[in-house]
Amino acid sequence: MTSGMIADSIVNLCGAIGLGVAMITLHRRDPKGPLTRRLLVALGIIASLFLVRGTAWWSGSVLLNNLSAIPAALIPLGALIVTEGILRRHAPRPAKIALLSGGIALGLAGAAGLETLAAPAAILLALFQLGGFAICAWLLATRDRGMLMVSENRIVGRLAVGAILVIPFIVTDFRVLFPDIPVRLGALGALLVVTAILIAERGAETQRQALTMTALRLSSSALLGIAAAFVAPDADVAQVVRFCAIAIAGVLTIGLMVDALRAHFEAQVPGVLNSVAASPARTRDALIAELARHPIFESARRYRESDLSSYDPQLLRDFLSTRRVLRQPDAPWGLTSTDPAVERVVSLLAANSATHLIVLSHDPIDVITLAVPVISADPATETALALLRRLLALTPETT
């Protein structure tokens, strides 16, 4: 087995695993959504193609290689099914019949494995796939934008961008048309698209964070592939491309698996905000006791004004009147470090080895000190603390 065939197999198997993980993630997010079901059908067809083809090339099985023509020929039909779901209407019947009958005919012709028809069948399959994508693009371009919501029109725009980006990757899968391609990149293109789909379903701020992490994954994996290629003394451009494709496909697949597993674990163990939302506590003390069960609040200690007699409550009252959550690293909080109020707050935090001071009330003084572990000190935790402060401030002392 040549190095090119090994690279093709690894990239396709990574694509199959990555798309399988993406299907699980989409199903978990929206198990009964009509568009999700259609998307799962399309992704299932593509994943089966990558799995059968990658296994065939790795094992050298001619039978599996021939059978891979069936899911390959059904990809345009899967794309049409997703297009119908996005537009919320049926595609023209002639288009359905053409893609269904053409997919069956080309799939069976490829599965027959006739050597004399191998090259013509590959060319026809490439043209058929591009034609199917063109039909879907035409239906999306000529849609009635007024019949769709703004978010749905935005999805169409993203699909258009994704199609433009993925088509060059798909074309490399046809060695009959491009025999000198070092590695087939269709599976890599599919991994990029599903990664983008999962990112697009998040909020704006989370999208930016996910895009940054994805860019880091792509750049670092490409550099890793380049470095690994030069382990061999006779590395050439083709070998560097193969190593880069393997590294990027592997890192994207691992990233999808890690993200899916993290989401599963987070769903099993509710966060601090979820704990508060589900809490039956009716008073502030009861809610604080409930929060104490969460790791972030294990060190929390509440101070009322009567507990702060040695810290000059009158001085603290004026200082805390315009503040909600104080972080010890931000000291002196816009004042000088010798300010008496700053000195007292710093002393209070130091006495409790605390990193945060949550102000529930400034008159009378009611504060909570807590130590947030370094590994948990991120923007999400800071936002959660600000929200918890508001919830605690609104919770009555007695029922």
Protein backbone atom coordinates (compact mmCIF):
# COMPACT_ATOMS: atom_id res chain seq x y z
CA MET A 1 0.00 0.00 0.00
CA THR A 2 1.43 3.35 -1.06
CA SER A 3 1.83 6.37 1.20
CA GLY A 4 -0.89 8.15 -0.77
CA MET A 5 -3.35 5.32 -0.17
CA ILE A 6 -2.51 5.26 3.55
CA ALA A 7 -3.10 8.99 3.79
CA ASP A 8 -6.40 8.67 1.90
CA SER A 9 -7.55 5.94 4.28
CA ILE A 10 -6.66 7.83 7.46
CA VAL A 11 -8.28 11.07 6.30
CA ASN A 12 -11.48 9.26 5.29
CA LEU A 13 -11.71 7.27 8.53
CA CYS A 14 -11.22 10.50 10.48
CA GLY A 15 -14.00 12.03 8.38
CA ALA A 16 -16.33 9.14 9.16
CA ILE A 17 -15.65 9.38 12.91
CA GLY A 18 -15.95 13.17 12.93
CA LEU A 19 -19.25 13.16 11.06
CA GLY A 20 -20.57 10.45 13.36
CA VAL A 21 -19.74 12.57 16.40
CA ALA A 22 -21.35 15.61 14.74
CA MET A 23 -24.52 13.57 14.15
CA ILE A 24 -24.65 12.62 17.83
CA THR A 25 -24.14 16.26 18.83
CA LEU A 26 -26.87 17.54 16.50
CA HIS A 27 -29.29 14.86 17.67
CA ARG A 28 -28.59 15.72 21.30
CA ARG A 29 -29.23 19.42 20.67
CA ASP A 30 -32.45 18.99 18.70
CA PRO A 31 -33.61 15.35 18.66
CA LYS A 32 -37.03 15.99 17.10
CA GLY A 33 -36.33 18.91 14.78
CA PRO A 34 -37.44 18.25 11.18
CA LEU A 35 -34.38 19.99 9.70
CA THR A 36 -32.10 18.11 12.09
CA ARG A 37 -33.53 14.78 10.94
CA ARG A 38 -32.90 15.68 7.31
CA LEU A 39 -29.39 16.84 8.13
CA LEU A 40 -28.71 13.58 9.94
CA VAL A 41 -29.77 11.62 6.85
CA ALA A 42 -27.38 13.60 4.64
CA LEU A 43 -24.51 13.34 7.11
CA GLY A 44 -25.20 9.63 7.53
CA ILE A 45 -24.82 9.07 3.77
CA ILE A 46 -21.55 10.99 3.69
CA ALA A 47 -20.20 9.29 6.82
CA SER A 48 -20.99 5.84 5.39
CA LEU A 49 -19.11 6.80 2.23
CA PHE A 50 -16.01 7.79 4.18
CA LEU A 51 -16.20 4.71 6.39
CA VAL A 52 -16.64 2.19 3.57
CA ARG A 53 -14.07 3.90 1.34
CA GLY A 54 -11.48 4.35 4.09
CA THR A 55 -11.86 0.73 5.20
CA ALA A 56 -11.63 -0.48 1.60
CA TRP A 57 -8.40 1.39 0.90
CA TRP A 58 -6.85 0.37 4.22
CA SER A 59 -7.72 -3.31 3.80
CA GLY A 60 -7.32 -3.44 0.03
CA SER A 61 -10.85 -4.81 -0.39
CA VAL A 62 -12.06 -4.40 -3.96
CA LEU A 63 -15.63 -5.28 -2.95
CA LEU A 64 -15.86 -2.46 -0.37
CA ASN A 65 -14.26 -0.04 -2.81
CA ASN A 66 -16.95 -0.85 -5.37
CA LEU A 67 -19.74 -0.62 -2.79
CA SER A 68 -18.58 2.87 -1.80
CA ALA A 69 -20.05 4.09 -5.09
CA ILE A 70 -23.57 3.66 -3.67
CA PRO A 71 -23.36 6.29 -0.89
CA ALA A 72 -21.26 8.50 -3.18
CA ALA A 73 -24.05 8.51 -5.76
CA LEU A 74 -26.69 9.28 -3.10
CA ILE A 75 -24.96 12.40 -1.78
CA PRO A 76 -26.82 14.77 -4.17
CA LEU A 77 -30.13 13.28 -2.98
CA GLY A 78 -29.09 13.90 0.63
CA ALA A 79 -28.23 17.51 -0.27
CA LEU A 80 -31.68 17.92 -1.86
CA ILE A 81 -33.37 16.54 1.27
CA VAL A 82 -31.58 19.15 3.41
CA THR A 83 -32.45 21.88 0.89
CA GLU A 84 -36.15 20.99 1.14
CA GLY A 85 -35.94 21.20 4.92
CA ILE A 86 -34.35 24.64 4.80
CA LEU A 87 -36.87 25.99 2.29
CA ARG A 88 -39.79 24.27 4.06
CA ARG A 89 -41.25 23.17 0.74
CA HIS A 90 -40.87 20.30 -1.71
CA ALA A 91 -38.37 20.47 -4.53
CA PRO A 92 -39.69 20.10 -8.09
CA ARG A 93 -40.65 16.50 -8.81
CA PRO A 94 -38.37 16.20 -11.90
CA ALA A 95 -35.37 17.15 -9.73
CA LYS A 96 -36.28 14.51 -7.16
CA ILE A 97 -36.74 11.82 -9.79
CA ALA A 98 -33.49 12.74 -11.55
CA LEU A 99 -31.37 12.66 -8.38
CA LEU A 100 -33.00 9.50 -7.05
CA SER A 101 -32.89 7.50 -10.28
CA GLY A 102 -29.46 8.82 -11.22
CA GLY A 103 -28.09 8.00 -7.77
CA ILE A 104 -29.42 4.46 -7.91
CA ALA A 105 -28.14 3.87 -11.45
CA LEU A 106 -24.67 5.26 -10.84
CA GLY A 107 -24.41 3.54 -7.46
CA LEU A 108 -25.27 0.13 -8.93
CA ALA A 109 -22.96 0.71 -11.89
CA GLY A 110 -20.08 1.51 -9.57
CA ALA A 111 -20.89 -1.42 -7.28
CA ALA A 112 -20.76 -3.78 -10.28
CA GLY A 113 -17.04 -3.04 -10.51
CA LEU A 114 -16.70 -3.35 -14.27
CA GLU A 115 -13.15 -2.32 -15.15
CA THR A 116 -14.11 -1.12 -18.62
CA LEU A 117 -16.65 1.29 -17.12
CA ALA A 118 -14.49 2.51 -14.21
CA ALA A 119 -13.25 5.71 -15.82
CA PRO A 120 -16.55 6.72 -17.50
CA ALA A 121 -18.49 5.93 -14.30
CA ALA A 122 -16.13 8.07 -12.22
CA ILE A 123 -16.50 11.00 -14.62
CA LEU A 124 -20.28 10.62 -14.68
CA LEU A 125 -20.38 10.43 -10.88
CA ALA A 126 -18.36 13.65 -10.58
CA LEU A 127 -20.64 15.44 -13.04
CA PHE A 128 -23.72 14.02 -11.33
CA GLN A 129 -22.61 15.26 -7.91
CA LEU A 130 -21.77 18.71 -9.23
CA GLY A 131 -25.10 18.81 -11.08
CA GLY A 132 -26.97 17.83 -7.91
CA PHE A 133 -25.23 20.57 -5.96
CA ALA A 134 -26.06 23.03 -8.74
CA ILE A 135 -29.77 22.12 -8.49
CA CYS A 136 -29.73 22.69 -4.72
CA ALA A 137 -27.89 25.99 -5.20
CA TRP A 138 -30.47 27.12 -7.78
CA LEU A 139 -33.36 26.26 -5.44
CA LEU A 140 -31.75 28.19 -2.60
CA ALA A 141 -30.85 31.17 -4.80
CA THR A 142 -34.39 31.48 -6.21
CA ARG A 143 -36.15 31.07 -2.86
CA ASP A 144 -38.80 33.47 -1.65
CA ARG A 145 -36.84 35.28 1.06
CA GLY A 146 -40.01 36.75 2.51
CA MET A 147 -41.32 33.27 3.32
CA LEU A 148 -38.31 32.51 5.52
CA MET A 149 -37.21 33.99 8.80
CA VAL A 150 -34.09 36.11 9.06
CA SER A 151 -32.26 33.27 10.79
CA GLU A 152 -33.23 30.86 8.01
CA ASN A 153 -32.01 33.23 5.32
CA ARG A 154 -28.77 33.53 7.29
CA ILE A 155 -28.45 29.73 7.29
CA VAL A 156 -28.79 29.73 3.50
CA GLY A 157 -26.00 32.25 3.21
CA ARG A 158 -23.75 30.16 5.42
CA LEU A 159 -24.53 27.05 3.37
CA ALA A 160 -23.59 28.91 0.21
CA VAL A 161 -20.24 29.88 1.69
CA GLY A 162 -19.71 26.32 2.94
CA ALA A 163 -20.51 24.86 -0.49
CA ILE A 164 -18.06 27.19 -2.19
CA LEU A 165 -15.36 26.17 0.27
CA VAL A 166 -16.04 22.41 0.17
CA ILE A 167 -16.41 21.85 -3.60
CA PRO A 168 -12.64 22.10 -4.27
CA PHE A 169 -12.10 19.47 -1.57
CA ILE A 170 -14.72 17.17 -3.14
CA VAL A 171 -13.15 17.45 -6.59
CA THR A 172 -9.86 16.05 -5.27
CA ASP A 173 -11.62 12.76 -4.51
CA PHE A 174 -11.80 11.94 -8.22
CA ARG A 175 -8.38 10.59 -9.12
CA VAL A 176 -9.62 9.96 -12.65
CA LEU A 177 -9.84 13.71 -13.15
CA PHE A 178 -6.81 14.65 -11.03
CA PRO A 179 -4.40 11.71 -10.90
CA ASP A 180 -1.53 13.75 -9.42
CA ILE A 181 -3.37 14.88 -6.27
CA PRO A 182 -1.21 13.78 -3.29
CA VAL A 183 -4.22 13.00 -1.06
CA ARG A 184 -7.99 13.00 -1.38
CA LEU A 185 -9.39 15.90 0.67
CA GLY A 186 -13.16 15.34 0.45
CA ALA A 187 -13.36 14.04 4.03
CA LEU A 188 -11.28 16.96 5.29
CA GLY A 189 -13.67 19.40 3.61
CA ALA A 190 -16.63 17.65 5.26
CA LEU A 191 -14.96 17.95 8.67
CA LEU A 192 -14.48 21.68 8.13
CA VAL A 193 -18.15 22.10 7.16
CA VAL A 194 -19.60 20.19 10.13
CA THR A 195 -17.28 22.07 12.47
CA ALA A 196 -18.59 25.33 11.01
CA ILE A 197 -22.21 24.11 11.36
CA LEU A 198 -21.74 23.31 15.04
CA ILE A 199 -20.07 26.68 15.64
CA ALA A 200 -22.87 28.55 13.81
CA GLU A 201 -25.47 27.18 16.26
CA ARG A 202 -23.87 28.99 19.18
CA GLY A 203 -24.23 32.56 20.45
CA ALA A 204 -22.27 35.43 18.92
CA GLU A 205 -19.63 35.61 21.66
CA THR A 206 -19.31 31.82 21.82
CA GLN A 207 -18.98 31.75 18.03
CA ARG A 208 -16.00 34.07 18.16
CA GLN A 209 -14.36 31.97 20.84
CA ALA A 210 -15.03 28.74 18.92
CA LEU A 211 -13.68 30.25 15.69
CA THR A 212 -10.52 31.33 17.48
CA MET A 213 -10.03 27.83 18.90
CA THR A 214 -10.73 26.24 15.51
CA ALA A 215 -8.22 28.55 13.81
CA LEU A 216 -5.68 27.57 16.48
CA ARG A 217 -6.41 23.88 15.88
CA LEU A 218 -6.02 24.23 12.12
CA SER A 219 -2.81 26.25 12.23
CA SER A 220 -1.15 24.16 14.93
CA SER A 221 -2.12 20.86 13.27
CA ALA A 222 -0.82 22.10 9.90
CA LEU A 223 2.50 23.04 11.50
CA LEU A 224 2.58 19.66 13.25
CA GLY A 225 2.03 17.91 9.91
CA ILE A 226 4.80 19.89 8.26
CA ALA A 227 7.18 19.09 11.09
CA ALA A 228 6.27 15.39 11.05
CA ALA A 229 6.81 15.18 7.29
CA PHE A 230 10.46 16.12 7.65
CA VAL A 231 11.12 13.15 9.92
CA ALA A 232 11.64 11.21 6.70
CA PRO A 233 14.87 12.23 4.94
CA ASP A 234 13.30 12.16 1.46
CA ALA A 235 10.25 14.34 2.21
CA ASP A 236 8.85 16.12 -0.82
CA VAL A 237 5.91 18.48 -1.37
CA ALA A 238 3.45 15.60 -1.84
CA GLN A 239 4.53 13.99 1.41
CA VAL A 240 4.22 17.29 3.30
CA VAL A 241 0.67 17.71 1.94
CA ARG A 242 -0.24 14.19 3.06
CA PHE A 243 1.10 14.71 6.57
CA CYS A 244 -0.71 18.05 6.86
CA ALA A 245 -4.00 16.50 5.70
CA ILE A 246 -3.66 13.65 8.22
CA ALA A 247 -2.79 16.02 11.08
CA ILE A 248 -5.60 18.47 10.34
CA ALA A 249 -8.21 15.73 9.88
CA GLY A 250 -7.08 14.03 13.08
CA VAL A 251 -7.09 17.21 15.15
CA LEU A 252 -10.53 18.26 13.86
CA THR A 253 -11.93 14.82 14.66
CA ILE A 254 -10.39 14.82 18.13
CA GLY A 255 -11.75 18.33 18.68
CA LEU A 256 -15.26 17.22 17.76
CA MET A 257 -15.03 14.25 20.10
CA VAL A 258 -13.67 16.31 22.99
CA ASP A 259 -16.34 19.01 22.54
CA ALA A 260 -19.11 16.40 22.42
CA LEU A 261 -17.79 14.60 25.50
CA ARG A 262 -17.41 17.89 27.41
CA ALA A 263 -21.01 18.81 26.57
CA HIS A 264 -22.17 15.39 27.76
CA PHE A 265 -20.33 15.72 31.07
CA GLU A 266 -21.64 19.25 31.59
CA ALA A 267 -25.18 18.01 30.98
CA GLN A 268 -24.72 15.25 33.57
CA VAL A 269 -23.36 17.61 36.25
CA PRO A 270 -25.39 20.84 36.37
CA GLY A 271 -23.45 24.10 36.68
CA VAL A 272 -23.85 26.60 39.45
CA LEU A 273 -26.55 28.58 37.60
CA ASN A 274 -28.50 25.41 36.84
CA SER A 275 -28.26 24.43 40.49
CA VAL A 276 -29.72 27.77 41.56
CA ALA A 277 -32.48 27.53 38.96
CA ALA A 278 -33.52 24.10 40.25
CA SER A 279 -33.09 24.96 43.94
CA PRO A 280 -36.21 24.95 46.17
CA ALA A 281 -34.57 27.49 48.54
CA ARG A 282 -36.85 30.38 49.52
CA THR A 283 -34.51 32.50 51.65
CA ARG A 284 -31.08 33.99 51.10
CA ASP A 285 -29.46 31.80 53.77
CA ALA A 286 -31.00 28.66 52.30
CA LEU A 287 -29.84 29.61 48.81
CA ILE A 288 -26.30 30.32 50.03
CA ALA A 289 -26.30 26.93 51.78
CA GLU A 290 -27.38 25.35 48.49
CA LEU A 291 -24.58 27.14 46.65
CA ALA A 292 -22.04 25.91 49.21
CA ARG A 293 -22.41 22.45 47.69
CA HIS A 294 -20.90 23.73 44.45
CA PRO A 295 -17.07 23.60 44.26
CA ILE A 296 -16.73 27.32 43.50
CA PHE A 297 -18.71 28.24 46.65
CA GLU A 298 -17.09 25.74 49.02
CA SER A 299 -15.00 28.51 50.60
CA ALA A 300 -17.79 31.11 50.63
CA ARG A 301 -18.36 33.02 53.86
CA ARG A 302 -21.08 35.56 54.47
CA TYR A 303 -20.46 38.78 56.40
CA ARG A 304 -23.20 41.04 57.67
CA GLU A 305 -22.55 44.53 58.99
CA SER A 306 -22.39 43.30 62.58
CA ASP A 307 -19.56 40.93 61.57
CA LEU A 308 -17.46 43.76 60.12
CA SER A 309 -17.13 46.03 63.15
CA SER A 310 -13.33 45.84 62.98
CA TYR A 311 -13.33 46.88 59.31
CA ASP A 312 -15.13 50.25 59.77
CA PRO A 313 -18.62 49.54 58.34
CA GLN A 314 -19.28 53.23 57.63
CA LEU A 315 -16.19 53.46 55.44
CA LEU A 316 -17.04 50.23 53.67
CA ARG A 317 -20.64 51.32 53.14
CA ASP A 318 -19.59 54.30 51.03
CA PHE A 319 -16.98 52.29 49.12
CA LEU A 320 -19.32 49.39 48.27
CA SER A 321 -22.27 51.57 47.26
CA THR A 322 -21.19 51.63 43.60
CA ARG A 323 -19.66 48.14 43.37
CA ARG A 324 -21.15 44.69 42.88
CA VAL A 325 -18.39 42.08 42.52
CA LEU A 326 -14.77 42.84 43.45
CA ARG A 327 -11.85 40.75 42.17
CA GLN A 328 -8.71 40.74 44.26
CA PRO A 329 -6.44 40.90 41.16
CA ASP A 330 -8.19 44.18 40.18
CA ALA A 331 -7.25 45.95 43.44
CA PRO A 332 -7.21 48.89 44.18
CA TRP A 333 -10.35 49.12 41.98
CA GLY A 334 -9.71 52.58 40.55
CA LEU A 335 -8.44 54.13 43.78
CA THR A 336 -5.02 54.32 45.40
CA SER A 337 -3.65 51.35 47.30
CA THR A 338 -3.38 53.52 50.42
CA ASP A 339 -7.07 54.41 50.42
CA PRO A 340 -8.51 53.33 53.82
CA ALA A 341 -11.48 51.54 52.27
CA VAL A 342 -9.24 49.68 49.83
CA GLU A 343 -6.94 48.63 52.66
CA ARG A 344 -9.86 47.22 54.65
CA VAL A 345 -11.32 45.29 51.71
CA VAL A 346 -7.88 43.88 50.83
CA SER A 347 -7.45 42.90 54.47
CA LEU A 348 -10.87 41.20 54.50
CA LEU A 349 -10.02 39.22 51.36
CA ALA A 350 -6.61 38.26 52.72
CA ALA A 351 -8.09 37.11 56.02
CA ASN A 352 -10.25 34.61 54.11
CA SER A 353 -7.71 33.80 51.36
CA ALA A 354 -10.46 35.00 49.04
CA THR A 355 -10.27 36.14 45.43
CA HIS A 356 -13.74 37.70 45.14
CA LEU A 357 -16.06 39.84 47.22
CA ILE A 358 -19.74 39.71 46.24
CA VAL A 359 -21.74 42.71 47.46
CA LEU A 360 -25.33 41.74 48.22
CA SER A 361 -26.16 45.01 49.95
CA HIS A 362 -24.20 48.10 50.96
CA ASP A 363 -26.71 49.50 53.47
CA PRO A 364 -26.73 47.51 55.64
CA ILE A 365 -23.55 45.77 54.52
CA ASP A 366 -24.03 42.20 53.39
CA VAL A 367 -21.14 40.61 51.50
CA ILE A 368 -19.78 37.17 50.61
CA THR A 369 -16.10 36.31 50.28
CA LEU A 370 -15.02 33.30 48.25
CA ALA A 371 -11.92 31.86 46.62
CA VAL A 372 -12.29 30.94 42.97
CA PRO A 373 -9.72 28.32 41.87
CA VAL A 374 -7.30 29.47 39.19
CA ILE A 375 -8.52 26.80 36.77
CA SER A 376 -12.07 28.16 37.09
CA ALA A 377 -11.21 31.86 36.81
CA ASP A 378 -12.51 32.50 33.30
CA PRO A 379 -15.02 34.96 31.77
CA ALA A 380 -17.86 32.42 32.07
CA THR A 381 -17.28 32.11 35.82
CA GLU A 382 -17.15 35.89 36.23
CA THR A 383 -20.46 36.20 34.40
CA ALA A 384 -21.97 33.45 36.57
CA LEU A 385 -20.86 35.25 39.73
CA ALA A 386 -22.41 38.51 38.55
CA LEU A 387 -25.70 36.74 37.83
CA LEU A 388 -25.62 34.92 41.15
CA ARG A 389 -25.02 38.19 42.95
CA ARG A 390 -28.17 39.61 41.36
CA LEU A 391 -30.19 36.51 42.26
CA LEU A 392 -28.99 36.53 45.86
CA ALA A 393 -29.65 40.26 46.19
CA LEU A 394 -33.24 39.70 45.01
CA THR A 395 -33.82 36.73 47.31
CA PRO A 396 -35.61 37.72 50.55
CA GLU A 397 -34.04 37.19 53.96
CA THR A 398 -37.19 35.53 55.26
CA THR A 399 -40.25 33.99 53.66
